[in-house]
All heavy atoms as atom14 arrays in JSON, in Angstrom:
{
  "sequence": "CSNNYGPYQFPEKLIPLMITNALEDRPLPVYGDGLNVRDWL",
  "atom14_mask": [
    [1, 1, 1, 1, 1, 1, 0, 0, 0, 0, 0, 0, 0, 0],
    [1, 1, 1, 1, 1, 1, 0, 0, 0, 0, 0, 0, 0, 0],
    [1, 1, 1, 1, 1, 1, 1, 1, 0, 0, 0, 0, 0, 0],
    [1, 1, 1, 1, 1, 1, 1, 1, 0, 0, 0, 0, 0, 0],
    [1, 1, 1, 1, 1, 1, 1, 1, 1, 1, 1, 1, 0, 0],
    [1, 1, 1, 1, 0, 0, 0, 0, 0, 0, 0, 0, 0, 0],
    [1, 1, 1, 1, 1, 1, 1, 0, 0, 0, 0, 0, 0, 0],
    [1, 1, 1, 1, 1, 1, 1, 1, 1, 1, 1, 1, 0, 0],
    [1, 1, 1, 1, 1, 1, 1, 1, 1, 0, 0, 0, 0, 0],
    [1, 1, 1, 1, 1, 1, 1, 1, 1, 1, 1, 0, 0, 0],
    [1, 1, 1, 1, 1, 1, 1, 0, 0, 0, 0, 0, 0, 0],
    [1, 1, 1, 1, 1, 1, 1, 1, 1, 0, 0, 0, 0, 0],
    [1, 1, 1, 1, 1, 1, 1, 1, 1, 0, 0, 0, 0, 0],
    [1, 1, 1, 1, 1, 1, 1, 1, 0, 0, 0, 0, 0, 0],
    [1, 1, 1, 1, 1, 1, 1, 1, 0, 0, 0, 0, 0, 0],
    [1, 1, 1, 1, 1, 1, 1, 0, 0, 0, 0, 0, 0, 0],
    [1, 1, 1, 1, 1, 1, 1, 1, 0, 0, 0, 0, 0, 0],
    [1, 1, 1, 1, 1, 1, 1, 1, 0, 0, 0, 0, 0, 0],
    [1, 1, 1, 1, 1, 1, 1, 1, 0, 0, 0, 0, 0, 0],
    [1, 1, 1, 1, 1, 1, 1, 0, 0, 0, 0, 0, 0, 0],
    [1, 1, 1, 1, 1, 1, 1, 1, 0, 0, 0, 0, 0, 0],
    [1, 1, 1, 1, 1, 0, 0, 0, 0, 0, 0, 0, 0, 0],
    [1, 1, 1, 1, 1, 1, 1, 1, 0, 0, 0, 0, 0, 0],
    [1, 1, 1, 1, 1, 1, 1, 1, 1, 0, 0, 0, 0, 0],
    [1, 1, 1, 1, 1, 1, 1, 1, 0, 0, 0, 0, 0, 0],
    [1, 1, 1, 1, 1, 1, 1, 1, 1, 1, 1, 0, 0, 0],
    [1, 1, 1, 1, 1, 1, 1, 0, 0, 0, 0, 0, 0, 0],
    [1, 1, 1, 1, 1, 1, 1, 1, 0, 0, 0, 0, 0, 0],
    [1, 1, 1, 1, 1, 1, 1, 0, 0, 0, 0, 0, 0, 0],
    [1, 1, 1, 1, 1, 1, 1, 0, 0, 0, 0, 0, 0, 0],
    [1, 1, 1, 1, 1, 1, 1, 1, 1, 1, 1, 1, 0, 0],
    [1, 1, 1, 1, 0, 0, 0, 0, 0, 0, 0, 0, 0, 0],
    [1, 1, 1, 1, 1, 1, 1, 1, 0, 0, 0, 0, 0, 0],
    [1, 1, 1, 1, 0, 0, 0, 0, 0, 0, 0, 0, 0, 0],
    [1, 1, 1, 1, 1, 1, 1, 1, 0, 0, 0, 0, 0, 0],
    [1, 1, 1, 1, 1, 1, 1, 1, 0, 0, 0, 0, 0, 0],
    [1, 1, 1, 1, 1, 1, 1, 0, 0, 0, 0, 0, 0, 0],
    [1, 1, 1, 1, 1, 1, 1, 1, 1, 1, 1, 0, 0, 0],
    [1, 1, 1, 1, 1, 1, 1, 1, 0, 0, 0, 0, 0, 0],
    [1, 1, 1, 1, 1, 1, 1, 1, 1, 1, 1, 1, 1, 1],
    [1, 1, 1, 1, 1, 1, 1, 1, 0, 0, 0, 0, 0, 0]
  ],
  "atom14_positions": [
    [[0.89, -1.13, 0.0], [0.02, 0.03, 0.05], [0.83, 1.3, -0.03], [2.04, 1.19, 0.39], [-0.91, 0.01, 1.21], [-0.04, 0.13, 2.7], [0.0, 0.0, 0.0], [0.0, 0.0, 0.0], [0.0, 0.0, 0.0], [0.0, 0.0, 0.0], [0.0, 0.0, 0.0], [0.0, 0.0, 0.0], [0.0, 0.0, 0.0], [0.0, 0.0, 0.0]],
    [[0.23, 2.36, -0.4], [0.89, 3.64, -0.3], [0.63, 4.13, 1.14], [0.05, 3.51, 1.93], [0.42, 4.67, -1.46], [-1.07, 4.7, -1.33], [0.0, 0.0, 0.0], [0.0, 0.0, 0.0], [0.0, 0.0, 0.0], [0.0, 0.0, 0.0], [0.0, 0.0, 0.0], [0.0, 0.0, 0.0], [0.0, 0.0, 0.0], [0.0, 0.0, 0.0]],
    [[1.07, 5.43, 1.38], [0.99, 5.93, 2.79], [-0.51, 6.06, 3.25], [-1.28, 6.75, 2.57], [1.64, 7.34, 2.76], [3.08, 7.3, 2.78], [3.76, 6.42, 2.12], [3.71, 8.1, 3.57], [0.0, 0.0, 0.0], [0.0, 0.0, 0.0], [0.0, 0.0, 0.0], [0.0, 0.0, 0.0], [0.0, 0.0, 0.0], [0.0, 0.0, 0.0]],
    [[-0.77, 5.5, 4.33], [-2.02, 5.49, 4.88], [-2.31, 6.74, 5.83], [-1.28, 7.23, 6.42], [-2.36, 4.24, 5.72], [-2.76, 3.07, 4.92], [-3.63, 2.33, 5.34], [-2.14, 2.87, 3.73], [0.0, 0.0, 0.0], [0.0, 0.0, 0.0], [0.0, 0.0, 0.0], [0.0, 0.0, 0.0], [0.0, 0.0, 0.0], [0.0, 0.0, 0.0]],
    [[-3.47, 7.17, 5.98], [-3.8, 8.22, 6.93], [-5.24, 8.02, 7.3], [-6.06, 7.31, 6.76], [-3.64, 9.66, 6.29], [-4.66, 9.96, 5.24], [-5.79, 10.69, 5.5], [-4.57, 9.47, 3.9], [-6.75, 10.98, 4.6], [-5.49, 9.75, 2.91], [-6.59, 10.48, 3.15], [-7.63, 10.82, 2.3], [0.0, 0.0, 0.0], [0.0, 0.0, 0.0]],
    [[-5.63, 8.62, 8.45], [-6.97, 8.44, 9.03], [-6.94, 8.42, 10.51], [-5.95, 8.78, 11.12], [0.0, 0.0, 0.0], [0.0, 0.0, 0.0], [0.0, 0.0, 0.0], [0.0, 0.0, 0.0], [0.0, 0.0, 0.0], [0.0, 0.0, 0.0], [0.0, 0.0, 0.0], [0.0, 0.0, 0.0], [0.0, 0.0, 0.0], [0.0, 0.0, 0.0]],
    [[-8.05, 7.96, 11.11], [-8.19, 7.91, 12.52], [-7.21, 6.93, 13.22], [-6.81, 5.85, 12.64], [-9.67, 7.49, 12.89], [-10.34, 7.69, 11.6], [-9.33, 7.5, 10.46], [0.0, 0.0, 0.0], [0.0, 0.0, 0.0], [0.0, 0.0, 0.0], [0.0, 0.0, 0.0], [0.0, 0.0, 0.0], [0.0, 0.0, 0.0], [0.0, 0.0, 0.0]],
    [[-6.82, 7.21, 14.44], [-5.99, 6.34, 15.21], [-4.56, 6.19, 14.79], [-3.95, 5.18, 15.19], [-6.7, 4.96, 15.44], [-8.08, 4.93, 16.03], [-9.15, 4.73, 15.2], [-8.26, 5.22, 17.35], [-10.48, 4.72, 15.69], [-9.48, 5.29, 17.96], [-10.65, 4.93, 17.08], [-11.87, 5.02, 17.64], [0.0, 0.0, 0.0], [0.0, 0.0, 0.0]],
    [[-4.04, 7.04, 14.0], [-2.67, 6.97, 13.55], [-1.75, 7.48, 14.6], [-1.93, 8.67, 15.1], [-2.41, 7.52, 12.25], [-1.01, 7.32, 11.61], [-0.89, 7.71, 10.21], [-1.49, 8.63, 9.77], [0.11, 7.07, 9.45], [0.0, 0.0, 0.0], [0.0, 0.0, 0.0], [0.0, 0.0, 0.0], [0.0, 0.0, 0.0], [0.0, 0.0, 0.0]],
    [[-0.62, 6.8, 14.93], [0.23, 7.17, 15.97], [0.87, 8.57, 15.54], [1.42, 8.66, 14.39], [1.34, 6.14, 16.19], [2.05, 6.24, 17.5], [1.45, 5.65, 18.69], [3.27, 6.84, 17.64], [2.12, 5.79, 19.86], [3.9, 6.98, 18.85], [3.36, 6.37, 19.96], [0.0, 0.0, 0.0], [0.0, 0.0, 0.0], [0.0, 0.0, 0.0]],
    [[0.92, 9.54, 16.5], [1.24, 10.83, 16.11], [2.83, 11.11, 16.02], [3.28, 12.17, 16.29], [0.67, 11.82, 17.24], [0.6, 10.8, 18.44], [0.31, 9.5, 17.86], [0.0, 0.0, 0.0], [0.0, 0.0, 0.0], [0.0, 0.0, 0.0], [0.0, 0.0, 0.0], [0.0, 0.0, 0.0], [0.0, 0.0, 0.0], [0.0, 0.0, 0.0]],
    [[3.49, 10.17, 15.44], [4.89, 10.35, 15.05], [4.94, 10.43, 13.52], [5.89, 10.82, 12.97], [5.89, 9.21, 15.52], [5.66, 7.89, 14.88], [6.51, 6.81, 15.4], [7.42, 7.18, 16.22], [6.44, 5.59, 14.99], [0.0, 0.0, 0.0], [0.0, 0.0, 0.0], [0.0, 0.0, 0.0], [0.0, 0.0, 0.0], [0.0, 0.0, 0.0]],
    [[3.84, 9.95, 12.84], [3.81, 9.99, 11.35], [3.38, 11.3, 10.97], [2.75, 12.12, 11.69], [2.84, 8.87, 10.91], [3.3, 7.44, 11.28], [4.6, 7.12, 10.61], [4.99, 5.64, 11.01], [4.32, 4.58, 10.24], [0.0, 0.0, 0.0], [0.0, 0.0, 0.0], [0.0, 0.0, 0.0], [0.0, 0.0, 0.0], [0.0, 0.0, 0.0]],
    [[3.58, 11.6, 9.64], [3.54, 13.01, 9.13], [2.22, 13.66, 9.42], [2.14, 14.77, 10.06], [3.88, 12.93, 7.66], [3.64, 14.3, 6.97], [4.93, 15.33, 7.35], [3.64, 14.28, 5.51], [0.0, 0.0, 0.0], [0.0, 0.0, 0.0], [0.0, 0.0, 0.0], [0.0, 0.0, 0.0], [0.0, 0.0, 0.0], [0.0, 0.0, 0.0]],
    [[1.12, 13.13, 8.94], [-0.12, 13.75, 9.07], [-0.64, 14.02, 10.52], [-0.88, 15.12, 10.79], [-1.22, 13.08, 8.19], [-0.92, 13.42, 6.73], [-2.59, 13.58, 8.56], [-1.94, 12.74, 5.69], [0.0, 0.0, 0.0], [0.0, 0.0, 0.0], [0.0, 0.0, 0.0], [0.0, 0.0, 0.0], [0.0, 0.0, 0.0], [0.0, 0.0, 0.0]],
    [[-0.72, 12.98, 11.3], [-1.07, 13.21, 12.76], [-0.11, 14.08, 13.5], [-0.45, 14.91, 14.37], [-1.15, 11.79, 13.37], [-0.38, 10.99, 12.43], [-0.47, 11.55, 11.08], [0.0, 0.0, 0.0], [0.0, 0.0, 0.0], [0.0, 0.0, 0.0], [0.0, 0.0, 0.0], [0.0, 0.0, 0.0], [0.0, 0.0, 0.0], [0.0, 0.0, 0.0]],
    [[1.17, 14.0, 13.11], [2.19, 14.86, 13.82], [1.95, 16.25, 13.52], [1.98, 17.22, 14.41], [3.56, 14.48, 13.43], [4.66, 15.4, 13.97], [4.81, 15.32, 15.54], [6.13, 15.07, 13.41], [0.0, 0.0, 0.0], [0.0, 0.0, 0.0], [0.0, 0.0, 0.0], [0.0, 0.0, 0.0], [0.0, 0.0, 0.0], [0.0, 0.0, 0.0]],
    [[1.72, 16.63, 12.2], [1.46, 17.96, 11.83], [0.11, 18.52, 12.42], [-0.02, 19.68, 12.8], [1.43, 18.15, 10.32], [2.79, 17.75, 9.68], [4.19, 18.61, 10.33], [5.62, 17.54, 10.01], [0.0, 0.0, 0.0], [0.0, 0.0, 0.0], [0.0, 0.0, 0.0], [0.0, 0.0, 0.0], [0.0, 0.0, 0.0], [0.0, 0.0, 0.0]],
    [[-0.93, 17.64, 12.42], [-2.18, 18.09, 12.87], [-2.1, 18.44, 14.47], [-2.53, 19.54, 14.85], [-3.25, 16.99, 12.7], [-3.59, 16.8, 11.26], [-4.5, 17.42, 13.46], [-4.52, 15.62, 10.93], [0.0, 0.0, 0.0], [0.0, 0.0, 0.0], [0.0, 0.0, 0.0], [0.0, 0.0, 0.0], [0.0, 0.0, 0.0], [0.0, 0.0, 0.0]],
    [[-1.5, 17.48, 15.18], [-1.47, 17.67, 16.67], [-0.54, 18.73, 16.97], [-0.79, 19.51, 17.9], [-1.07, 16.3, 17.38], [0.25, 15.88, 16.84], [-2.14, 15.27, 17.13], [0.0, 0.0, 0.0], [0.0, 0.0, 0.0], [0.0, 0.0, 0.0], [0.0, 0.0, 0.0], [0.0, 0.0, 0.0], [0.0, 0.0, 0.0], [0.0, 0.0, 0.0]],
    [[0.62, 18.95, 16.31], [1.52, 20.09, 16.65], [0.86, 21.39, 16.29], [0.95, 22.4, 17.01], [2.8, 19.96, 15.73], [3.87, 19.07, 16.47], [3.52, 18.24, 17.37], [5.06, 19.25, 16.04], [0.0, 0.0, 0.0], [0.0, 0.0, 0.0], [0.0, 0.0, 0.0], [0.0, 0.0, 0.0], [0.0, 0.0, 0.0], [0.0, 0.0, 0.0]],
    [[0.15, 21.46, 15.23], [-0.54, 22.73, 14.9], [-1.65, 22.98, 15.89], [-1.81, 24.21, 16.29], [-1.16, 22.55, 13.49], [0.0, 0.0, 0.0], [0.0, 0.0, 0.0], [0.0, 0.0, 0.0], [0.0, 0.0, 0.0], [0.0, 0.0, 0.0], [0.0, 0.0, 0.0], [0.0, 0.0, 0.0], [0.0, 0.0, 0.0], [0.0, 0.0, 0.0]],
    [[-2.33, 22.07, 16.33], [-3.34, 22.27, 17.41], [-2.76, 22.85, 18.76], [-3.37, 23.49, 19.5], [-4.17, 20.99, 17.69], [-5.15, 20.56, 16.57], [-5.72, 19.16, 16.81], [-6.3, 21.55, 16.43], [0.0, 0.0, 0.0], [0.0, 0.0, 0.0], [0.0, 0.0, 0.0], [0.0, 0.0, 0.0], [0.0, 0.0, 0.0], [0.0, 0.0, 0.0]],
    [[-1.49, 22.47, 18.86], [-0.81, 22.99, 20.12], [0.09, 24.17, 19.85], [0.79, 24.61, 20.66], [0.06, 21.82, 20.65], [-0.76, 20.65, 21.22], [0.15, 19.53, 21.76], [1.11, 19.26, 21.12], [-0.05, 19.04, 22.9], [0.0, 0.0, 0.0], [0.0, 0.0, 0.0], [0.0, 0.0, 0.0], [0.0, 0.0, 0.0], [0.0, 0.0, 0.0]],
    [[-0.07, 24.69, 18.61], [0.79, 25.8, 18.15], [2.3, 25.6, 18.38], [3.06, 26.45, 18.71], [0.33, 27.17, 18.93], [-1.05, 27.56, 18.56], [-1.38, 27.53, 17.36], [-1.87, 27.74, 19.55], [0.0, 0.0, 0.0], [0.0, 0.0, 0.0], [0.0, 0.0, 0.0], [0.0, 0.0, 0.0], [0.0, 0.0, 0.0], [0.0, 0.0, 0.0]],
    [[2.69, 24.36, 18.04], [4.08, 24.02, 18.07], [4.61, 23.95, 16.67], [3.91, 23.79, 15.75], [4.19, 22.65, 18.86], [3.77, 22.61, 20.23], [3.88, 21.22, 20.88], [5.08, 20.57, 20.68], [5.38, 19.3, 20.97], [4.43, 18.55, 21.24], [6.61, 18.84, 20.8], [0.0, 0.0, 0.0], [0.0, 0.0, 0.0], [0.0, 0.0, 0.0]],
    [[5.91, 24.08, 16.54], [6.55, 23.93, 15.2], [6.22, 22.67, 14.41], [6.14, 21.63, 15.16], [8.04, 24.18, 15.46], [8.19, 24.81, 16.84], [7.01, 24.3, 17.58], [0.0, 0.0, 0.0], [0.0, 0.0, 0.0], [0.0, 0.0, 0.0], [0.0, 0.0, 0.0], [0.0, 0.0, 0.0], [0.0, 0.0, 0.0], [0.0, 0.0, 0.0]],
    [[6.17, 22.8, 13.07], [5.87, 21.57, 12.25], [7.12, 21.25, 11.48], [7.52, 22.0, 10.58], [4.71, 21.97, 11.31], [3.22, 21.74, 11.81], [2.96, 22.64, 13.01], [2.2, 22.02, 10.71], [0.0, 0.0, 0.0], [0.0, 0.0, 0.0], [0.0, 0.0, 0.0], [0.0, 0.0, 0.0], [0.0, 0.0, 0.0], [0.0, 0.0, 0.0]],
    [[7.85, 20.23, 11.9], [9.19, 19.96, 11.33], [8.98, 19.31, 9.86], [8.3, 18.3, 9.84], [9.83, 19.04, 12.32], [8.69, 18.4, 13.07], [7.56, 19.36, 13.11], [0.0, 0.0, 0.0], [0.0, 0.0, 0.0], [0.0, 0.0, 0.0], [0.0, 0.0, 0.0], [0.0, 0.0, 0.0], [0.0, 0.0, 0.0], [0.0, 0.0, 0.0]],
    [[9.57, 19.87, 8.96], [9.46, 19.37, 7.51], [10.87, 18.99, 7.08], [11.74, 19.87, 7.03], [8.78, 20.34, 6.6], [8.81, 19.78, 5.14], [7.37, 20.67, 7.02], [0.0, 0.0, 0.0], [0.0, 0.0, 0.0], [0.0, 0.0, 0.0], [0.0, 0.0, 0.0], [0.0, 0.0, 0.0], [0.0, 0.0, 0.0], [0.0, 0.0, 0.0]],
    [[11.08, 17.67, 6.69], [12.44, 17.32, 6.19], [12.8, 18.0, 4.94], [11.98, 18.11, 4.02], [12.5, 15.84, 6.02], [12.55, 14.94, 7.15], [11.69, 13.92, 7.51], [13.56, 15.19, 8.14], [11.92, 13.07, 8.62], [13.76, 14.39, 9.16], [12.91, 13.38, 9.47], [13.05, 12.51, 10.59], [0.0, 0.0, 0.0], [0.0, 0.0, 0.0]],
    [[14.13, 18.47, 4.81], [14.62, 18.96, 3.64], [13.88, 20.09, 3.13], [13.51, 21.08, 3.75], [0.0, 0.0, 0.0], [0.0, 0.0, 0.0], [0.0, 0.0, 0.0], [0.0, 0.0, 0.0], [0.0, 0.0, 0.0], [0.0, 0.0, 0.0], [0.0, 0.0, 0.0], [0.0, 0.0, 0.0], [0.0, 0.0, 0.0], [0.0, 0.0, 0.0]],
    [[13.6, 20.0, 1.73], [12.83, 21.06, 1.12], [11.36, 20.88, 1.1], [10.58, 21.68, 0.6], [13.3, 21.41, -0.38], [13.23, 20.06, -1.24], [12.59, 19.1, -0.81], [13.78, 20.11, -2.36], [0.0, 0.0, 0.0], [0.0, 0.0, 0.0], [0.0, 0.0, 0.0], [0.0, 0.0, 0.0], [0.0, 0.0, 0.0], [0.0, 0.0, 0.0]],
    [[10.96, 19.76, 1.71], [9.51, 19.38, 1.68], [8.9, 18.91, 0.41], [7.66, 18.76, 0.32], [0.0, 0.0, 0.0], [0.0, 0.0, 0.0], [0.0, 0.0, 0.0], [0.0, 0.0, 0.0], [0.0, 0.0, 0.0], [0.0, 0.0, 0.0], [0.0, 0.0, 0.0], [0.0, 0.0, 0.0], [0.0, 0.0, 0.0], [0.0, 0.0, 0.0]],
    [[9.65, 18.72, -0.58], [9.06, 18.34, -1.88], [9.12, 16.9, -2.24], [8.91, 16.41, -3.3], [9.92, 19.13, -3.03], [9.78, 20.61, -2.87], [10.51, 21.34, -4.09], [8.36, 21.08, -2.79], [0.0, 0.0, 0.0], [0.0, 0.0, 0.0], [0.0, 0.0, 0.0], [0.0, 0.0, 0.0], [0.0, 0.0, 0.0], [0.0, 0.0, 0.0]],
    [[9.38, 16.02, -1.2], [9.24, 14.59, -1.34], [7.82, 14.22, -1.54], [6.98, 14.8, -0.88], [9.82, 13.87, -0.08], [11.22, 14.13, 0.17], [11.51, 15.35, 0.74], [12.02, 13.18, -0.06], [0.0, 0.0, 0.0], [0.0, 0.0, 0.0], [0.0, 0.0, 0.0], [0.0, 0.0, 0.0], [0.0, 0.0, 0.0], [0.0, 0.0, 0.0]],
    [[7.53, 13.42, -2.55], [6.14, 13.1, -2.83], [5.73, 11.69, -2.37], [6.51, 10.77, -2.43], [6.0, 13.11, -4.45], [4.65, 12.67, -4.83], [6.35, 14.46, -5.01], [0.0, 0.0, 0.0], [0.0, 0.0, 0.0], [0.0, 0.0, 0.0], [0.0, 0.0, 0.0], [0.0, 0.0, 0.0], [0.0, 0.0, 0.0], [0.0, 0.0, 0.0]],
    [[4.56, 11.74, -1.8], [3.94, 10.44, -1.39], [2.46, 10.27, -1.94], [1.79, 11.36, -2.25], [3.77, 10.39, 0.15], [5.2, 10.44, 0.77], [5.98, 9.15, 0.45], [7.31, 9.23, 1.14], [8.47, 9.57, 0.56], [8.45, 10.07, -0.7], [9.6, 9.55, 1.16], [0.0, 0.0, 0.0], [0.0, 0.0, 0.0], [0.0, 0.0, 0.0]],
    [[2.02, 9.1, -2.15], [0.66, 8.78, -2.67], [-0.13, 8.37, -1.36], [0.23, 7.46, -0.71], [0.79, 7.59, -3.62], [-0.56, 7.14, -4.11], [-1.46, 7.91, -3.9], [-0.68, 6.06, -4.61], [0.0, 0.0, 0.0], [0.0, 0.0, 0.0], [0.0, 0.0, 0.0], [0.0, 0.0, 0.0], [0.0, 0.0, 0.0], [0.0, 0.0, 0.0]],
    [[-1.1, 9.2, -1.09], [-1.86, 9.02, 0.19], [-3.12, 8.21, 0.0], [-3.88, 8.4, -1.0], [-2.21, 10.35, 0.71], [-1.03, 11.13, 1.15], [-0.3, 12.11, 0.5], [-0.26, 10.93, 2.38], [0.71, 12.47, 1.23], [0.78, 11.73, 2.32], [-0.43, 10.04, 3.53], [1.81, 11.83, 3.43], [0.42, 10.15, 4.6], [1.55, 11.01, 4.54]],
    [[-3.39, 7.3, 0.94], [-4.47, 6.35, 0.92], [-5.19, 6.3, 2.16], [-4.59, 6.09, 3.26], [-3.96, 4.84, 0.6], [-4.83, 3.75, 0.67], [-5.83, 3.74, -0.51], [-4.09, 2.38, 0.72], [0.0, 0.0, 0.0], [0.0, 0.0, 0.0], [0.0, 0.0, 0.0], [0.0, 0.0, 0.0], [0.0, 0.0, 0.0], [0.0, 0.0, 0.0]]
  ]
}
């Protein structure tokens, strides 16, 4: 499968990490230039 997202994902993965950090007004760390491409499922 390609990169999964949705409910109950452990918040070390990209999407839940960014959501939860943003909700706490904390920095959102993005690797490199951020232009790595993923196919989301």
